[in-house]
Amino acid sequence: MASVLSLPFVQRGLLEVAVLAIPAGILGTWIVLRGLPFYVHATGTAAFPGLVLADGLSFSPFAGALGTAGLFALLVAILGRRERDTPIAVLLAGALAAGALLASDVFHSGARVDELLFGSLLLISGGDIAQAAGLAVAALAASAVLGPRWLARGFDENATERSRAAEAALLALTALAVVVALRAIGGLLVASLFVVPAATTRLYVRRLVPWQIATVVLAAVEGAAGIVIAVYSDAPPGATVALVTGGAFALAVAAKALGRRRVVASAAAAAAALGAAGCASVPGGNGRPVVVATTTQLADVTRAVAGKGTVDVYGVLRANTDPHDYEPRPSDVRATAAARLVLQSGDGLDAWMGKVVAEAGGHPRVLDLGARVPVRRSGDPHWWHDPGNVAAAVPIIRDALSRLSPGDTAAFRRNAAAYLRRLRALDRRISRCFARIAPARRTLVTDHDAFAYFADRYGIRIVGAVIPSQSTAGQTSAGDLAALSKTIRRLGVPAVFPETSVSARVAHALASETGARSDLRLYGDTLGPAGSPGATYLGMEATNANRMALGMTGRGCG
């Protein structure tokens, strides 16, 4: 436990939840008392269009979320003077629709909002803690000044205009609290901090001030427990905090109904089992230099160049994990804190890694491989689908490893040369395969636009993609699908290729509508699991080529 608490990013996360516990306890009691839990959840979710705008127009996500959350609070205050849930539901549906349209039809991008939708408690900065402290001060002051009117409003819906103004202030302050907590907990989980602890303590405490104090303490304890459990289990911290608060509420209800002794004993047994499980292992304990590679492709190539027994290569992404919407895990931050070298794919695909490096507390050398390959397409991060780019990246990785471990330079050179021979042989086989296919039949429809590099290298024509974006987090519209369906029929495209890391549901529906096949899945953003044909980079590209040829002609590459 002491080693976990000594980690800088854990300490910042613990400080953040400790500070956020103050407004969570103060405002949470008013939220429960005034019947606002649905409003809290809706406000966090309604921040979505503001986050999309911030990503698309390149301004602060906090400003975007605050703008839409503030507008949402204002409209609820105006429309919901008597019946609040109905206008909240209507406005929430409108906000979600606006966000989806902006993401799909306006910006044609994923709008990297997943971190703010689900939170990232282990990537907290000093600015986040300062915002939480300011919110705590505002919550305490507002409760002291406006609390009597909030309480009176709960008993008299026909209160004065001054009480209505106080009610609007509560809505606005709650919206601000939701936005401030977005970084830590995320918009979709914010109720776990601002509703559930207050609902839990309400089961046992009735007087307002003791209730608020108890809620502050419980929120701080639950937040801290969630962070520690997340580090031990290598789980997303925001979701873990939500599970802890929900579990504590369930235990409180059970304790009241069944008796405290039995429930407390069961909870203690579960906590002991968790402690016995220990922390997820990360590299660096054997004295070898640690290298962190963000994508599965980079990790595989780096391991091939490094060989065995020289350096510890830690891959952040797992097989079939979509890099576009990845939330870093505690083990990722711990590995980065110990790393001497970080290899990024670049071009925005793994932009989340910059925050991990900045907040991990280490001082690794960072190499952006995507910025150093010879063939680049603007805005397209999938450079590894051109084997020529990977051939150019191998010497860069070799030289970086040699700087890290000079005594193993000869081994790195041998490994890199052997890998380049295999890579160039694969490139020649794929070229011969597609050269045998008539140009008119070399047509490609995939889940999202991830194969332009591959298509350019081997003379393939990309007809379209289910998601017209380089990011899988983008959205497709009915108009896009209708146009793509017509194109597939007109050109007689024989196959639609889903990807292994993306849901194939829409691709299957499109294929069914057009008469194309959709049973041949490609490895786009990630390698496959161990034992699969795409478990290595070389296997991935060979499998993709074979399945493309099979879909185009009925015969594989052979």
Protein backbone atom coordinates (compact mmCIF):
# COMPACT_ATOMS: atom_id res chain seq x y z
CA MET A 1 0.00 0.00 0.00
CA ALA A 2 2.81 2.43 0.88
CA SER A 3 4.37 2.00 -2.57
CA VAL A 4 1.06 2.85 -4.23
CA LEU A 5 0.56 5.97 -2.14
CA SER A 6 4.08 7.18 -2.93
CA LEU A 7 3.33 7.45 -6.66
CA PRO A 8 2.95 11.14 -7.66
CA PHE A 9 -0.05 10.61 -9.94
CA VAL A 10 -1.84 8.67 -7.19
CA GLN A 11 -1.15 11.47 -4.73
CA ARG A 12 -2.61 14.06 -7.13
CA GLY A 13 -5.67 11.89 -7.69
CA LEU A 14 -6.20 11.48 -3.95
CA LEU A 15 -5.86 15.23 -3.43
CA GLU A 16 -8.37 15.88 -6.20
CA VAL A 17 -11.04 13.59 -4.70
CA ALA A 18 -10.37 14.99 -1.24
CA VAL A 19 -11.01 18.53 -2.47
CA LEU A 20 -13.96 17.53 -4.66
CA ALA A 21 -15.51 15.76 -1.68
CA ILE A 22 -16.29 19.17 -0.14
CA PRO A 23 -18.59 20.43 -2.91
CA ALA A 24 -19.84 16.87 -3.41
CA GLY A 25 -20.92 16.72 0.21
CA ILE A 26 -22.32 20.24 0.41
CA LEU A 27 -24.08 20.34 -2.96
CA GLY A 28 -24.90 16.63 -2.91
CA THR A 29 -27.19 17.06 0.08
CA TRP A 30 -29.04 19.89 -1.63
CA ILE A 31 -29.22 17.89 -4.87
CA VAL A 32 -30.86 14.96 -3.07
CA LEU A 33 -33.06 17.19 -0.91
CA ARG A 34 -34.32 19.21 -3.89
CA GLY A 35 -34.85 16.20 -6.16
CA LEU A 36 -32.09 17.04 -8.67
CA PRO A 37 -30.27 13.71 -9.28
CA PHE A 38 -31.63 13.41 -12.83
CA TYR A 39 -30.56 17.00 -13.49
CA VAL A 40 -26.98 16.18 -12.40
CA HIS A 41 -26.75 13.22 -14.75
CA ALA A 42 -28.38 15.15 -17.58
CA THR A 43 -26.04 18.13 -17.19
CA GLY A 44 -22.96 15.94 -17.40
CA THR A 45 -24.27 14.25 -20.51
CA ALA A 46 -25.51 17.50 -22.06
CA ALA A 47 -21.93 18.79 -22.08
CA PHE A 48 -21.35 16.53 -25.10
CA PRO A 49 -22.02 19.12 -27.85
CA GLY A 50 -19.73 21.61 -26.12
CA LEU A 51 -16.95 19.04 -26.03
CA VAL A 52 -17.46 18.28 -29.72
CA LEU A 53 -17.30 21.99 -30.56
CA ALA A 54 -14.16 22.41 -28.47
CA ASP A 55 -12.46 19.54 -30.28
CA GLY A 56 -13.61 20.61 -33.72
CA LEU A 57 -12.72 24.28 -33.30
CA SER A 58 -9.60 23.68 -31.17
CA PHE A 59 -10.47 25.59 -28.02
CA SER A 60 -10.58 24.57 -24.36
CA PRO A 61 -12.77 21.51 -23.62
CA PHE A 62 -13.53 23.03 -20.22
CA ALA A 63 -14.88 26.19 -21.89
CA GLY A 64 -16.96 24.14 -24.32
CA ALA A 65 -18.45 22.00 -21.57
CA LEU A 66 -19.08 25.02 -19.32
CA GLY A 67 -20.85 26.87 -22.13
CA THR A 68 -23.30 24.09 -22.96
CA ALA A 69 -23.80 23.10 -19.31
CA GLY A 70 -24.53 26.74 -18.42
CA LEU A 71 -27.02 27.07 -21.26
CA PHE A 72 -28.63 23.80 -20.18
CA ALA A 73 -28.98 25.08 -16.59
CA LEU A 74 -30.47 28.37 -17.79
CA LEU A 75 -33.08 26.66 -19.97
CA VAL A 76 -34.02 24.24 -17.17
CA ALA A 77 -34.45 27.19 -14.79
CA ILE A 78 -36.72 28.97 -17.30
CA LEU A 79 -38.77 26.00 -18.45
CA GLY A 80 -38.92 23.92 -15.29
CA ARG A 81 -40.52 26.18 -12.72
CA ARG A 82 -43.10 23.58 -11.76
CA GLU A 83 -42.35 20.27 -13.51
CA ARG A 84 -38.59 19.88 -13.94
CA ASP A 85 -37.99 16.34 -15.25
CA THR A 86 -39.90 16.79 -18.51
CA PRO A 87 -37.93 19.82 -19.78
CA ILE A 88 -34.71 18.18 -18.59
CA ALA A 89 -35.48 15.09 -20.67
CA VAL A 90 -36.39 17.16 -23.72
CA LEU A 91 -33.31 19.37 -23.46
CA LEU A 92 -31.06 16.36 -22.87
CA ALA A 93 -32.36 14.66 -26.01
CA GLY A 94 -31.73 17.85 -27.97
CA ALA A 95 -28.19 18.19 -26.61
CA LEU A 96 -27.31 14.61 -27.50
CA ALA A 97 -28.77 15.03 -30.99
CA ALA A 98 -26.84 18.26 -31.51
CA GLY A 99 -23.62 16.62 -30.37
CA ALA A 100 -24.11 13.64 -32.69
CA LEU A 101 -24.84 15.89 -35.67
CA LEU A 102 -21.82 18.08 -34.96
CA ALA A 103 -19.56 15.05 -34.65
CA SER A 104 -20.82 13.37 -37.82
CA ASP A 105 -22.00 15.98 -40.31
CA VAL A 106 -20.02 19.09 -39.31
CA PHE A 107 -16.61 17.99 -38.10
CA HIS A 108 -16.55 14.39 -39.40
CA SER A 109 -14.41 13.40 -36.47
CA GLY A 110 -14.67 11.56 -33.23
CA ALA A 111 -14.27 14.67 -31.12
CA ARG A 112 -11.92 13.19 -28.54
CA VAL A 113 -14.29 13.54 -25.63
CA ASP A 114 -14.05 10.08 -24.05
CA GLU A 115 -11.72 11.28 -21.28
CA LEU A 116 -14.24 13.94 -20.26
CA LEU A 117 -17.18 11.55 -20.57
CA PHE A 118 -15.59 8.86 -18.37
CA GLY A 119 -12.95 10.80 -16.42
CA SER A 120 -9.27 10.19 -15.78
CA LEU A 121 -8.46 10.55 -12.10
CA LEU A 122 -4.84 9.51 -12.59
CA LEU A 123 -4.08 12.35 -15.02
CA ILE A 124 -4.94 15.23 -12.72
CA SER A 125 -2.98 18.49 -12.98
CA GLY A 126 -2.47 21.33 -10.56
CA GLY A 127 -5.02 23.36 -12.50
CA ASP A 128 -7.67 20.68 -11.97
CA ILE A 129 -7.04 20.75 -8.22
CA ALA A 130 -7.23 24.56 -8.19
CA GLN A 131 -10.60 24.46 -9.98
CA ALA A 132 -11.88 21.92 -7.45
CA ALA A 133 -10.72 24.15 -4.59
CA GLY A 134 -12.50 27.15 -6.08
CA LEU A 135 -15.66 25.09 -6.43
CA ALA A 136 -15.38 24.00 -2.79
CA VAL A 137 -15.22 27.63 -1.65
CA ALA A 138 -18.18 28.56 -3.85
CA ALA A 139 -20.25 25.63 -2.57
CA LEU A 140 -19.59 26.50 1.08
CA ALA A 141 -20.39 30.19 0.55
CA ALA A 142 -23.54 29.53 -1.48
CA SER A 143 -24.85 27.00 1.03
CA ALA A 144 -24.32 29.44 3.89
CA VAL A 145 -25.97 32.38 2.09
CA LEU A 146 -28.67 30.70 -0.01
CA GLY A 147 -29.27 27.52 1.99
CA PRO A 148 -32.33 28.87 3.89
CA ARG A 149 -34.00 29.86 0.59
CA TRP A 150 -33.17 26.49 -0.99
CA LEU A 151 -34.76 24.84 2.02
CA ALA A 152 -37.82 27.11 1.94
CA ARG A 153 -38.25 26.53 -1.79
CA GLY A 154 -38.50 22.81 -1.11
CA PHE A 155 -41.60 23.39 1.02
CA ASP A 156 -43.21 26.20 -1.01
CA GLU A 157 -43.28 25.95 -4.80
CA ASN A 158 -45.05 29.34 -4.91
CA ALA A 159 -42.10 31.09 -3.30
CA THR A 160 -41.04 34.65 -4.07
CA GLU A 161 -38.99 35.74 -7.03
CA ARG A 162 -35.97 35.93 -4.70
CA SER A 163 -36.41 32.24 -3.91
CA ARG A 164 -36.72 31.48 -7.61
CA ALA A 165 -33.46 33.31 -8.18
CA ALA A 166 -31.88 31.22 -5.42
CA GLU A 167 -33.17 28.09 -7.13
CA ALA A 168 -31.60 29.22 -10.41
CA ALA A 169 -28.34 29.78 -8.53
CA LEU A 170 -28.47 26.19 -7.25
CA LEU A 171 -28.96 24.91 -10.79
CA ALA A 172 -26.08 27.05 -12.07
CA LEU A 173 -23.73 26.04 -9.25
CA THR A 174 -24.57 22.37 -9.77
CA ALA A 175 -23.83 22.73 -13.49
CA LEU A 176 -20.48 24.34 -12.65
CA ALA A 177 -19.72 21.49 -10.23
CA VAL A 178 -20.45 18.92 -12.93
CA VAL A 179 -18.09 20.63 -15.38
CA VAL A 180 -15.29 20.94 -12.81
CA ALA A 181 -15.62 17.23 -12.03
CA LEU A 182 -15.52 16.19 -15.69
CA ARG A 183 -11.76 15.67 -15.72
CA ALA A 184 -11.83 13.44 -12.65
CA ILE A 185 -15.10 11.50 -12.86
CA GLY A 186 -16.49 12.23 -16.31
CA GLY A 187 -19.88 13.48 -17.38
CA LEU A 188 -21.48 10.05 -17.52
CA LEU A 189 -20.31 9.09 -14.01
CA VAL A 190 -20.58 12.40 -12.19
CA ALA A 191 -23.69 11.30 -10.29
CA SER A 192 -21.51 8.80 -8.44
CA LEU A 193 -19.83 11.71 -6.68
CA PHE A 194 -22.61 14.30 -6.38
CA VAL A 195 -25.62 12.05 -5.73
CA VAL A 196 -24.75 8.59 -4.41
CA PRO A 197 -22.73 9.52 -1.27
CA ALA A 198 -25.46 11.96 -0.17
CA ALA A 199 -28.13 9.32 -0.80
CA THR A 200 -26.10 6.83 1.25
CA THR A 201 -25.64 9.05 4.30
CA ARG A 202 -29.30 10.11 4.08
CA LEU A 203 -30.22 6.57 5.16
CA TYR A 204 -28.72 7.25 8.60
CA VAL A 205 -28.54 11.04 9.09
CA ARG A 206 -31.50 13.43 9.02
CA ARG A 207 -30.27 16.82 10.27
CA LEU A 208 -28.81 18.97 7.48
CA VAL A 209 -25.39 19.98 8.83
CA PRO A 210 -24.45 16.51 10.17
CA TRP A 211 -25.71 15.08 6.89
CA GLN A 212 -23.42 17.40 4.90
CA ILE A 213 -20.40 16.60 7.08
CA ALA A 214 -21.04 12.87 6.83
CA THR A 215 -21.37 13.14 3.04
CA VAL A 216 -18.10 15.06 2.69
CA VAL A 217 -16.28 12.38 4.69
CA LEU A 218 -17.93 9.51 2.82
CA ALA A 219 -17.26 11.03 -0.62
CA ALA A 220 -13.58 11.50 0.27
CA VAL A 221 -13.24 7.95 1.60
CA GLU A 222 -15.03 6.43 -1.39
CA GLY A 223 -12.99 8.45 -3.86
CA ALA A 224 -9.72 7.45 -2.21
CA ALA A 225 -10.80 3.80 -2.05
CA GLY A 226 -11.75 3.90 -5.73
CA ILE A 227 -8.32 5.20 -6.73
CA VAL A 228 -6.44 2.61 -4.66
CA ILE A 229 -8.63 -0.21 -5.97
CA ALA A 230 -8.14 1.03 -9.53
CA VAL A 231 -4.36 0.95 -9.12
CA TYR A 232 -4.43 -2.52 -7.58
CA SER A 233 -6.81 -3.95 -10.18
CA ASP A 234 -5.56 -1.86 -13.15
CA ALA A 235 -9.11 -0.65 -13.82
CA PRO A 236 -10.36 2.75 -15.07
CA PRO A 237 -10.41 4.96 -11.96
CA GLY A 238 -13.59 6.90 -12.77
CA ALA A 239 -15.61 3.74 -13.28
CA THR A 240 -14.04 2.20 -10.17
CA VAL A 241 -15.08 5.15 -8.02
CA ALA A 242 -18.61 4.81 -9.41
CA LEU A 243 -18.64 1.12 -8.49
CA VAL A 244 -17.35 1.86 -5.00
CA THR A 245 -20.03 4.48 -4.33
CA GLY A 246 -22.75 2.22 -5.72
CA GLY A 247 -21.49 -0.72 -3.69
CA ALA A 248 -21.38 1.37 -0.52
CA PHE A 249 -24.98 2.47 -1.09
CA ALA A 250 -26.06 -1.14 -1.58
CA LEU A 251 -24.21 -2.17 1.60
CA ALA A 252 -25.84 0.67 3.53
CA VAL A 253 -29.29 -0.41 2.39
CA ALA A 254 -28.51 -4.05 3.19
CA ALA A 255 -27.07 -3.15 6.61
CA LYS A 256 -30.20 -1.29 7.51
CA ALA A 257 -32.44 -4.13 6.37
CA LEU A 258 -30.41 -7.23 7.40
CA GLY A 259 -28.26 -6.09 10.27
CA ARG A 260 -24.91 -4.38 10.26
CA ARG A 261 -22.67 -7.17 11.56
CA ARG A 262 -23.27 -9.64 8.71
CA VAL A 263 -22.93 -7.03 5.97
CA VAL A 264 -19.78 -5.46 7.44
CA ALA A 265 -18.15 -8.90 7.72
CA SER A 266 -18.88 -9.63 4.06
CA ALA A 267 -17.46 -6.26 3.00
CA ALA A 268 -14.28 -6.85 5.05
CA ALA A 269 -13.80 -10.26 3.42
CA ALA A 270 -14.13 -8.71 -0.03
CA ALA A 271 -11.58 -5.99 0.86
CA ALA A 272 -9.13 -8.62 2.15
CA ALA A 273 -9.47 -10.59 -1.08
CA LEU A 274 -8.73 -7.45 -3.06
CA GLY A 275 -5.63 -6.73 -0.99
CA ALA A 276 -4.38 -10.28 -1.53
CA ALA A 277 -4.71 -9.86 -5.27
CA GLY A 278 -1.94 -7.23 -5.23
CA CYS A 279 -1.02 -4.66 -7.83
CA ALA A 280 -0.96 -5.29 -11.55
CA SER A 281 2.62 -5.98 -12.60
CA VAL A 282 4.52 -3.40 -14.61
CA PRO A 283 8.05 -3.59 -16.06
CA GLY A 284 11.18 -2.20 -14.49
CA GLY A 285 11.62 -4.46 -11.49
CA ASN A 286 14.50 -6.45 -12.99
CA GLY A 287 16.87 -3.54 -13.61
CA ARG A 288 16.47 -3.52 -17.40
CA PRO A 289 15.63 -0.22 -19.15
CA VAL A 290 11.89 0.28 -19.74
CA VAL A 291 10.53 1.23 -23.15
CA VAL A 292 6.86 2.20 -23.49
CA ALA A 293 5.21 1.86 -26.91
CA THR A 294 1.70 3.20 -27.31
CA THR A 295 0.22 1.01 -30.07
CA THR A 296 0.24 -2.73 -30.50
CA GLN A 297 2.09 -2.37 -33.81
CA LEU A 298 4.88 -0.29 -32.31
CA ALA A 299 5.22 -2.63 -29.33
CA ASP A 300 5.49 -5.67 -31.62
CA VAL A 301 8.12 -4.12 -33.90
CA THR A 302 10.09 -2.83 -30.91
CA ARG A 303 10.11 -6.28 -29.28
CA ALA A 304 11.35 -7.79 -32.56
CA VAL A 305 14.24 -5.29 -32.72
CA ALA A 306 15.03 -5.52 -28.99
CA GLY A 307 15.07 -9.30 -28.77
CA LYS A 308 14.99 -11.05 -25.41
CA GLY A 309 16.75 -10.05 -22.22
CA THR A 310 17.85 -6.55 -23.23
CA VAL A 311 15.05 -4.09 -22.44
CA ASP A 312 11.53 -4.35 -21.06
CA VAL A 313 8.99 -3.29 -23.70
CA TYR A 314 5.61 -2.26 -22.31
CA GLY A 315 2.75 -1.90 -24.78
CA VAL A 316 0.02 0.48 -23.65
CA LEU A 317 -2.73 -0.71 -25.98
CA ARG A 318 -3.97 -4.28 -25.85
CA ALA A 319 -5.09 -6.47 -28.73
CA ASN A 320 -8.40 -5.40 -30.29
CA THR A 321 -8.39 -2.19 -28.24
CA ASP A 322 -9.42 0.87 -30.20
CA PRO A 323 -6.74 3.58 -29.76
CA HIS A 324 -9.14 6.38 -30.68
CA ASP A 325 -11.17 6.06 -27.47
CA TYR A 326 -8.61 4.58 -25.08
CA GLU A 327 -8.49 5.65 -21.45
CA PRO A 328 -5.03 5.06 -19.91
CA ARG A 329 -4.94 2.58 -17.04
CA PRO A 330 -2.98 2.88 -13.78
CA SER A 331 -0.38 0.39 -15.03
CA ASP A 332 0.20 2.61 -18.08
CA VAL A 333 1.05 5.59 -15.88
CA ARG A 334 3.27 3.49 -13.61
CA ALA A 335 5.16 2.05 -16.57
CA THR A 336 5.61 5.51 -18.07
CA ALA A 337 6.91 6.82 -14.75
CA ALA A 338 9.66 4.16 -14.90
CA ALA A 339 10.34 4.46 -18.64
CA ARG A 340 13.47 5.86 -20.24
CA LEU A 341 12.00 5.83 -23.74
CA VAL A 342 8.44 6.37 -25.01
CA LEU A 343 7.54 5.53 -28.61
CA GLN A 344 4.41 7.24 -29.92
CA SER A 345 2.61 6.50 -33.17
CA GLY A 346 1.71 10.17 -33.60
CA ASP A 347 -0.64 12.10 -35.88
CA GLY A 348 -3.20 12.38 -33.07
CA LEU A 349 -3.89 8.64 -32.80
CA ASP A 350 -2.35 8.40 -29.33
CA ALA A 351 -2.54 12.05 -28.30
CA TRP A 352 -3.65 10.90 -24.84
CA MET A 353 -0.07 9.70 -24.24
CA GLY A 354 1.20 13.27 -23.94
CA LYS A 355 -0.87 13.74 -20.81
CA VAL A 356 0.34 10.41 -19.41
CA VAL A 357 3.99 11.40 -19.92
CA ALA A 358 3.44 14.85 -18.41
CA GLU A 359 1.67 13.56 -15.31
CA ALA A 360 3.60 10.31 -14.69
CA GLY A 361 6.50 12.12 -13.02
CA GLY A 362 9.32 10.52 -15.03
CA HIS A 363 11.61 12.05 -17.65
CA PRO A 364 11.64 9.66 -20.63
CA ARG A 365 12.83 10.48 -24.11
CA VAL A 366 9.76 10.66 -26.37
CA LEU A 367 9.96 9.68 -30.04
CA ASP A 368 7.07 10.40 -32.43
CA LEU A 369 7.54 7.77 -35.15
CA GLY A 370 4.67 9.08 -37.27
CA ALA A 371 6.49 12.38 -37.74
CA ARG A 372 9.62 10.65 -39.06
CA VAL A 373 8.32 8.18 -41.66
CA PRO A 374 8.80 9.05 -45.37
CA VAL A 375 5.20 8.64 -46.62
CA ARG A 376 2.65 10.79 -44.82
CA ARG A 377 -0.99 11.61 -45.49
CA SER A 378 -2.34 14.74 -43.84
CA GLY A 379 -4.69 13.90 -40.98
CA ASP A 380 -4.34 10.15 -41.40
CA PRO A 381 -2.55 8.45 -38.47
CA HIS A 382 -2.48 4.90 -39.93
CA TRP A 383 1.01 5.18 -41.42
CA TRP A 384 2.04 1.61 -40.49
CA HIS A 385 -0.24 0.16 -43.21
CA ASP A 386 2.51 1.12 -45.65
CA PRO A 387 5.29 -1.42 -44.96
CA GLY A 388 7.76 1.07 -46.42
CA ASN A 389 7.04 3.37 -43.49
CA VAL A 390 7.64 0.56 -41.00
CA ALA A 391 10.90 -0.25 -42.78
CA ALA A 392 11.95 3.36 -42.20
CA ALA A 393 10.86 3.22 -38.54
CA VAL A 394 12.91 0.10 -37.73
CA PRO A 395 16.35 1.84 -37.87
CA ILE A 396 14.98 4.71 -35.78
CA ILE A 397 13.86 2.23 -33.12
CA ARG A 398 17.18 0.36 -33.38
CA ASP A 399 19.21 3.51 -32.81
CA ALA A 400 16.99 4.65 -29.92
CA LEU A 401 17.43 1.28 -28.20
CA SER A 402 21.19 1.45 -28.78
CA ARG A 403 21.34 4.80 -26.98
CA LEU A 404 19.37 3.24 -24.14
CA SER A 405 21.48 0.11 -23.82
CA PRO A 406 24.83 0.60 -25.66
CA GLY A 407 26.12 -2.83 -24.65
CA ASP A 408 23.39 -4.50 -26.71
CA THR A 409 23.95 -2.48 -29.90
CA ALA A 410 25.24 -5.44 -31.91
CA ALA A 411 22.19 -7.53 -30.99
CA PHE A 412 19.85 -4.68 -31.93
CA ARG A 413 21.53 -4.37 -35.33
CA ARG A 414 21.23 -8.11 -36.04
CA ASN A 415 17.59 -8.19 -34.97
CA ALA A 416 16.70 -5.10 -37.02
CA ALA A 417 18.40 -6.48 -40.14
CA ALA A 418 16.59 -9.81 -39.82
CA TYR A 419 13.25 -8.08 -39.31
CA LEU A 420 13.79 -5.83 -42.34
CA ARG A 421 14.43 -8.89 -44.52
CA ARG A 422 11.13 -10.43 -43.43
CA LEU A 423 9.30 -7.13 -43.87
CA ARG A 424 10.57 -6.58 -47.41
CA ALA A 425 9.75 -10.16 -48.36
CA LEU A 426 6.18 -9.62 -47.12
CA ASP A 427 5.93 -6.39 -49.09
CA ARG A 428 6.96 -8.19 -52.28
CA ARG A 429 4.42 -10.99 -51.71
CA ILE A 430 1.57 -8.51 -51.19
CA SER A 431 2.59 -6.55 -54.28
CA ARG A 432 2.54 -9.70 -56.42
CA CYS A 433 -0.83 -10.71 -54.97
CA PHE A 434 -2.61 -7.50 -55.93
CA ALA A 435 -0.81 -7.25 -59.26
CA ARG A 436 -2.69 -10.42 -60.25
CA ILE A 437 -6.05 -8.76 -59.56
CA ALA A 438 -7.62 -6.61 -62.28
CA PRO A 439 -7.61 -2.90 -61.30
CA ALA A 440 -11.41 -2.71 -61.65
CA ARG A 441 -11.78 -5.35 -58.92
CA ARG A 442 -9.36 -3.71 -56.48
CA THR A 443 -12.12 -1.86 -54.61
CA LEU A 444 -12.27 -1.46 -50.85
CA VAL A 445 -15.08 -0.59 -48.42
CA THR A 446 -14.18 -0.74 -44.71
CA ASP A 447 -15.54 0.27 -41.31
CA HIS A 448 -13.57 3.51 -41.17
CA ASP A 449 -10.97 5.22 -43.32
CA ALA A 450 -7.90 3.40 -41.98
CA PHE A 451 -6.39 1.78 -45.08
CA ALA A 452 -5.43 4.67 -47.37
CA TYR A 453 -1.71 3.98 -46.87
CA PHE A 454 -2.21 0.31 -47.75
CA ALA A 455 -4.36 1.21 -50.75
CA ASP A 456 -1.85 3.72 -52.10
CA ARG A 457 1.03 1.26 -51.86
CA TYR A 458 -0.75 -1.62 -53.61
CA GLY A 459 -2.96 0.15 -56.14
CA ILE A 460 -6.32 -0.34 -54.41
CA ARG A 461 -9.24 2.04 -54.90
CA ILE A 462 -11.06 3.03 -51.71
CA VAL A 463 -14.77 3.30 -52.53
CA GLY A 464 -15.84 4.48 -49.09
CA ALA A 465 -16.09 3.72 -45.38
CA VAL A 466 -18.99 3.14 -43.02
CA ILE A 467 -17.51 5.85 -40.77
CA PRO A 468 -16.16 8.58 -43.10
CA SER A 469 -13.36 9.50 -40.72
CA GLN A 470 -9.88 8.40 -39.73
CA SER A 471 -11.24 8.02 -36.19
CA THR A 472 -13.55 5.18 -35.18
CA ALA A 473 -15.15 7.56 -32.66
CA GLY A 474 -16.76 9.45 -35.53
CA GLN A 475 -20.36 9.00 -36.54
CA THR A 476 -22.00 7.98 -39.76
CA SER A 477 -25.18 9.61 -41.02
CA ALA A 478 -28.13 8.16 -42.88
CA GLY A 479 -27.13 10.21 -45.91
CA ASP A 480 -23.58 8.83 -45.85
CA LEU A 481 -24.86 5.25 -45.69
CA ALA A 482 -27.39 5.78 -48.47
CA ALA A 483 -24.75 7.26 -50.76
CA LEU A 484 -22.29 4.47 -49.95
CA SER A 485 -24.97 1.84 -50.58
CA LYS A 486 -25.66 3.28 -54.04
CA THR A 487 -21.96 3.35 -54.85
CA ILE A 488 -21.50 -0.28 -53.82
CA ARG A 489 -24.38 -1.37 -56.06
CA ARG A 490 -23.26 0.75 -59.00
CA LEU A 491 -19.67 -0.52 -58.91
CA GLY A 492 -20.57 -4.09 -58.01
CA VAL A 493 -18.31 -4.06 -54.94
CA PRO A 494 -18.25 -7.68 -53.76
CA ALA A 495 -17.27 -7.21 -50.10
CA VAL A 496 -17.51 -4.84 -47.15
CA PHE A 497 -14.65 -5.39 -44.68
CA PRO A 498 -15.40 -4.85 -40.96
CA GLU A 499 -12.52 -4.33 -38.55
CA THR A 500 -11.66 -6.47 -35.56
CA SER A 501 -11.64 -3.59 -33.05
CA VAL A 502 -14.92 -2.00 -34.18
CA SER A 503 -18.51 -3.25 -33.98
CA ALA A 504 -19.41 -4.84 -37.30
CA ARG A 505 -23.16 -4.30 -36.95
CA VAL A 506 -23.48 -1.42 -39.43
CA ALA A 507 -21.08 -3.04 -41.89
CA HIS A 508 -23.13 -6.25 -41.81
CA ALA A 509 -26.35 -4.30 -42.39
CA LEU A 510 -24.81 -2.43 -45.32
CA ALA A 511 -23.55 -5.67 -46.86
CA SER A 512 -26.94 -7.33 -46.43
CA GLU A 513 -28.64 -4.41 -48.15
CA THR A 514 -26.27 -4.40 -51.13
CA GLY A 515 -25.64 -8.13 -51.56
CA ALA A 516 -21.95 -7.85 -50.64
CA ARG A 517 -20.23 -10.18 -48.20
CA SER A 518 -19.00 -8.94 -44.80
CA ASP A 519 -17.44 -11.99 -43.16
CA LEU A 520 -13.81 -11.02 -43.74
CA ARG A 521 -12.57 -8.84 -40.87
CA LEU A 522 -9.44 -6.72 -41.16
CA TYR A 523 -6.91 -5.60 -38.55
CA GLY A 524 -7.04 -1.81 -38.78
CA ASP A 525 -6.00 0.08 -35.67
CA THR A 526 -4.71 -2.82 -33.58
CA LEU A 527 -3.17 -6.25 -33.72
CA GLY A 528 -5.17 -9.32 -32.80
CA PRO A 529 -4.82 -11.38 -29.61
CA ALA A 530 -2.09 -13.96 -29.13
CA GLY A 531 -2.67 -16.99 -31.33
CA SER A 532 -4.68 -15.09 -33.94
CA PRO A 533 -3.42 -14.54 -37.52
CA GLY A 534 -2.95 -10.85 -36.72
CA ALA A 535 -1.04 -11.23 -33.46
CA THR A 536 2.09 -9.63 -35.00
CA TYR A 537 2.56 -6.74 -37.40
CA LEU A 538 3.78 -9.04 -40.17
CA GLY A 539 0.89 -11.42 -39.56
CA MET A 540 -1.58 -8.54 -39.52
CA GLU A 541 -0.58 -7.20 -42.93
CA ALA A 542 -0.34 -10.67 -44.49
CA THR A 543 -3.81 -11.52 -43.17
CA ASN A 544 -5.29 -8.22 -44.34
CA ALA A 545 -3.90 -8.72 -47.83
CA ASN A 546 -5.16 -12.30 -48.03
CA ARG A 547 -8.67 -11.37 -46.83
CA MET A 548 -8.89 -8.38 -49.16
CA ALA A 549 -7.90 -10.53 -52.14
CA LEU A 550 -10.40 -13.21 -51.06
CA GLY A 551 -13.20 -10.64 -50.83
CA MET A 552 -12.31 -9.06 -54.19
CA THR A 553 -11.86 -12.24 -56.23
CA GLY A 554 -12.88 -15.25 -54.17
CA ARG A 555 -9.22 -16.32 -54.00
CA GLY A 556 -6.66 -15.35 -51.41
CA CYS A 557 -3.04 -14.40 -51.97
CA GLY A 558 -1.97 -18.04 -51.78
